[in-house]
Amino acid sequence: MKACTKCGETKPTADFNRNKQAPDGLHWTCRPCTKIARAPRLAKERKRRLATYHANHAERLERQRQYQAANREKYRAASKKWREKNPVLMQLSKDDWYYRNKDKNAAAATRYYARKRDRCPRWLTKEQHAEMQKYYSAARFMTEQSGEPWHVDHIVPLFGENVCGLHVPWNLQILTGSENSSKGNRHG
């Protein structure tokens, strides 16, 4: 057993990478902590390698895109077959996307809810949809920074007693979770 210097937990020695220079021959942080610490650097490195690859293989990639466009049904069938064979990996991928993009998921869910009840006008532009997405991203950022939940609220409720509002950028505001709960379904 060994204590991780990062998380402070005592774990089996099998949870530590080898390090010949350390007195006990093991790395000072456990594998999960090491993985978390390396993630940003690895993401940056992967992005750099992909950019280099795309620059060096632009012609080949364009031929591949054209072939895939010409054989779209073949690729769709292969993709469907893979998804059916790997439901666990598909679910893990969906879960991973959800946890990395909670703000986008919340914006999409609200948009769906509003559209289903005719509260999201079809004349909204892409820029206005992007502006609404910024509210959800800001609320998520504020929640992460403060540790207190922040919500995106409709100033005029979508389904109020006396008045009904629309799901549009100028009808959104960011409130703390407690303020939003106390406001309820009232205007203001």
Protein backbone atom coordinates (compact mmCIF):
# COMPACT_ATOMS: atom_id res chain seq x y z
CA MET A 1 0.00 0.00 0.00
CA LYS A 2 1.13 3.53 -0.78
CA ALA A 3 -0.32 7.03 -0.28
CA CYS A 4 -0.81 9.18 -3.37
CA THR A 5 0.66 12.67 -2.91
CA LYS A 6 -2.03 14.21 -5.15
CA CYS A 7 -5.33 12.78 -3.84
CA GLY A 8 -4.00 11.64 -0.44
CA GLU A 9 -5.64 8.21 -0.68
CA THR A 10 -3.79 5.04 0.30
CA LYS A 11 -3.94 2.60 -2.59
CA PRO A 12 -2.37 -0.73 -3.57
CA THR A 13 1.06 -0.46 -5.18
CA ALA A 14 -0.44 -1.86 -8.40
CA ASP A 15 -2.20 1.53 -8.84
CA PHE A 16 1.16 3.32 -9.24
CA ASN A 17 3.44 3.48 -12.27
CA ARG A 18 7.07 2.44 -11.90
CA ASN A 19 9.77 5.06 -11.33
CA LYS A 20 13.34 3.80 -11.03
CA GLN A 21 14.56 7.05 -9.48
CA ALA A 22 12.12 6.93 -6.54
CA PRO A 23 13.32 5.20 -3.34
CA ASP A 24 10.46 2.68 -3.43
CA GLY A 25 10.57 2.33 -7.24
CA LEU A 26 7.05 3.74 -7.70
CA HIS A 27 5.73 7.06 -8.99
CA TRP A 28 4.54 9.44 -6.24
CA THR A 29 1.02 9.89 -7.72
CA CYS A 30 -1.48 7.14 -8.52
CA ARG A 31 -2.41 6.35 -12.13
CA PRO A 32 -5.80 8.14 -12.11
CA CYS A 33 -4.21 11.35 -10.72
CA THR A 34 -1.38 11.12 -13.25
CA LYS A 35 -3.90 10.69 -16.06
CA ILE A 36 -5.88 13.75 -14.94
CA ALA A 37 -2.72 15.86 -14.66
CA ARG A 38 -1.48 14.82 -18.12
CA ALA A 39 -4.86 15.30 -19.90
CA PRO A 40 -4.49 19.01 -20.88
CA ARG A 41 -0.93 18.53 -22.15
CA LEU A 42 -1.94 15.43 -24.11
CA ALA A 43 -4.93 17.22 -25.62
CA LYS A 44 -2.68 20.09 -26.76
CA GLU A 45 -0.14 17.65 -28.20
CA ARG A 46 -2.87 15.68 -30.00
CA LYS A 47 -4.27 18.90 -31.51
CA ARG A 48 -0.80 19.90 -32.73
CA ARG A 49 -0.17 16.45 -34.25
CA LEU A 50 -3.57 16.47 -35.99
CA ALA A 51 -2.91 19.92 -37.47
CA THR A 52 0.46 18.74 -38.78
CA TYR A 53 -1.07 15.57 -40.19
CA HIS A 54 -3.86 17.49 -41.93
CA ALA A 55 -1.37 19.95 -43.42
CA ASN A 56 0.84 17.13 -44.75
CA HIS A 57 -1.98 14.92 -46.04
CA ALA A 58 -4.53 17.46 -47.34
CA GLU A 59 -4.79 15.89 -50.81
CA ARG A 60 -5.24 12.35 -49.47
CA LEU A 61 -7.85 13.50 -46.95
CA GLU A 62 -9.80 15.30 -49.66
CA ARG A 63 -9.85 12.12 -51.81
CA GLN A 64 -11.05 10.19 -48.76
CA ARG A 65 -13.85 12.75 -48.14
CA GLN A 66 -14.97 12.47 -51.76
CA TYR A 67 -14.97 8.67 -51.60
CA GLN A 68 -16.99 8.71 -48.38
CA ALA A 69 -19.48 11.16 -49.91
CA ALA A 70 -19.86 8.89 -52.95
CA ASN A 71 -20.30 5.80 -50.71
CA ARG A 72 -22.34 7.35 -47.92
CA GLU A 73 -24.72 4.41 -47.54
CA LYS A 74 -21.85 1.95 -47.20
CA TYR A 75 -20.31 4.04 -44.39
CA ARG A 76 -23.67 4.48 -42.66
CA ALA A 77 -24.27 0.71 -42.72
CA ALA A 78 -20.79 0.01 -41.32
CA SER A 79 -21.29 2.65 -38.62
CA LYS A 80 -24.70 1.24 -37.67
CA LYS A 81 -23.24 -2.26 -37.50
CA TRP A 82 -20.43 -1.06 -35.21
CA ARG A 83 -22.89 0.78 -32.93
CA GLU A 84 -25.04 -2.36 -32.64
CA LYS A 85 -21.99 -4.48 -31.78
CA ASN A 86 -20.65 -1.96 -29.21
CA PRO A 87 -23.60 -0.60 -27.18
CA VAL A 88 -21.50 -0.17 -24.04
CA LEU A 89 -18.88 1.94 -25.83
CA MET A 90 -21.66 4.00 -27.43
CA GLN A 91 -23.23 4.68 -24.03
CA LEU A 92 -19.85 5.61 -22.54
CA SER A 93 -19.26 7.99 -25.43
CA LYS A 94 -22.69 9.60 -24.92
CA ASP A 95 -22.12 9.91 -21.18
CA ASP A 96 -18.69 11.45 -21.74
CA TRP A 97 -20.14 14.01 -24.16
CA TYR A 98 -22.95 14.83 -21.71
CA TYR A 99 -20.59 15.50 -18.79
CA ARG A 100 -18.25 17.61 -20.92
CA ASN A 101 -21.15 19.61 -22.45
CA LYS A 102 -23.80 20.03 -19.75
CA ASP A 103 -24.44 23.61 -20.84
CA LYS A 104 -25.11 22.59 -24.46
CA ASN A 105 -27.37 19.79 -23.28
CA ALA A 106 -29.35 22.19 -21.05
CA ALA A 107 -29.72 24.70 -23.90
CA ALA A 108 -30.88 21.98 -26.31
CA ALA A 109 -33.35 20.57 -23.78
CA THR A 110 -34.85 24.01 -23.13
CA ARG A 111 -35.02 24.75 -26.85
CA TYR A 112 -36.79 21.42 -27.43
CA TYR A 113 -39.21 22.06 -24.56
CA ALA A 114 -39.97 25.59 -25.85
CA ARG A 115 -40.33 24.52 -29.47
CA LYS A 116 -42.63 21.64 -28.56
CA ARG A 117 -44.94 24.10 -26.84
CA ASP A 118 -44.63 26.80 -29.55
CA ARG A 119 -42.53 29.12 -27.38
CA CYS A 120 -39.40 29.16 -29.58
CA PRO A 121 -40.02 31.28 -32.70
CA ARG A 122 -38.79 29.85 -35.98
CA TRP A 123 -37.55 33.27 -37.11
CA LEU A 124 -34.63 33.25 -34.66
CA THR A 125 -31.26 33.45 -36.41
CA LYS A 126 -28.21 31.27 -35.78
CA GLU A 127 -26.58 34.24 -34.04
CA GLN A 128 -29.51 34.53 -31.63
CA HIS A 129 -29.37 30.79 -30.89
CA ALA A 130 -25.62 31.18 -30.26
CA GLU A 131 -26.34 34.11 -27.94
CA MET A 132 -28.75 31.93 -25.94
CA GLN A 133 -26.11 29.19 -25.77
CA LYS A 134 -23.75 31.76 -24.18
CA TYR A 135 -26.19 32.19 -21.27
CA TYR A 136 -26.06 28.45 -20.56
CA SER A 137 -22.27 28.36 -20.88
CA ALA A 138 -21.94 31.35 -18.53
CA ALA A 139 -24.26 29.72 -15.99
CA ARG A 140 -22.20 26.53 -16.09
CA PHE A 141 -18.95 28.49 -15.72
CA MET A 142 -20.36 30.43 -12.74
CA THR A 143 -21.52 27.18 -11.13
CA GLU A 144 -18.07 25.62 -11.53
CA GLN A 145 -16.29 28.73 -10.20
CA SER A 146 -18.51 29.43 -7.20
CA GLY A 147 -19.64 25.92 -6.31
CA GLU A 148 -23.16 27.33 -6.02
CA PRO A 149 -25.76 26.38 -8.68
CA TRP A 150 -26.62 29.09 -11.21
CA HIS A 151 -29.63 28.77 -13.53
CA VAL A 152 -30.75 30.33 -16.78
CA ASP A 153 -34.19 31.79 -16.15
CA HIS A 154 -36.88 33.24 -18.40
CA ILE A 155 -37.73 36.79 -17.29
CA VAL A 156 -41.26 36.35 -18.62
CA PRO A 157 -42.12 32.69 -17.89
CA LEU A 158 -42.86 30.43 -20.84
CA PHE A 159 -46.11 29.42 -19.11
CA GLY A 160 -47.10 32.10 -16.60
CA GLU A 161 -50.53 32.63 -15.07
CA ASN A 162 -51.23 35.99 -16.72
CA VAL A 163 -48.57 36.22 -19.44
CA CYS A 164 -46.50 33.78 -21.49
CA GLY A 165 -43.05 34.63 -22.82
CA LEU A 166 -40.87 33.28 -25.61
CA HIS A 167 -37.58 31.40 -25.55
CA VAL A 168 -35.51 34.26 -27.02
CA PRO A 169 -32.19 35.85 -25.97
CA TRP A 170 -33.75 39.03 -24.57
CA ASN A 171 -36.01 36.98 -22.28
CA LEU A 172 -33.13 35.15 -20.53
CA GLN A 173 -31.25 36.00 -17.35
CA ILE A 174 -28.84 34.18 -15.07
CA LEU A 175 -29.89 33.73 -11.43
CA THR A 176 -28.60 31.73 -8.51
CA GLY A 177 -30.47 28.50 -7.90
CA SER A 178 -32.11 29.87 -4.73
CA GLU A 179 -33.23 33.11 -6.48
CA ASN A 180 -34.66 31.11 -9.38
CA SER A 181 -36.53 28.77 -7.02
CA SER A 182 -37.99 31.67 -5.03
CA LYS A 183 -39.02 33.47 -8.24
CA GLY A 184 -40.97 30.44 -9.37
CA ASN A 185 -43.20 30.88 -12.42
CA ARG A 186 -43.75 34.61 -11.89
CA HIS A 187 -42.85 37.56 -14.11
CA GLY A 188 -39.81 39.60 -13.12
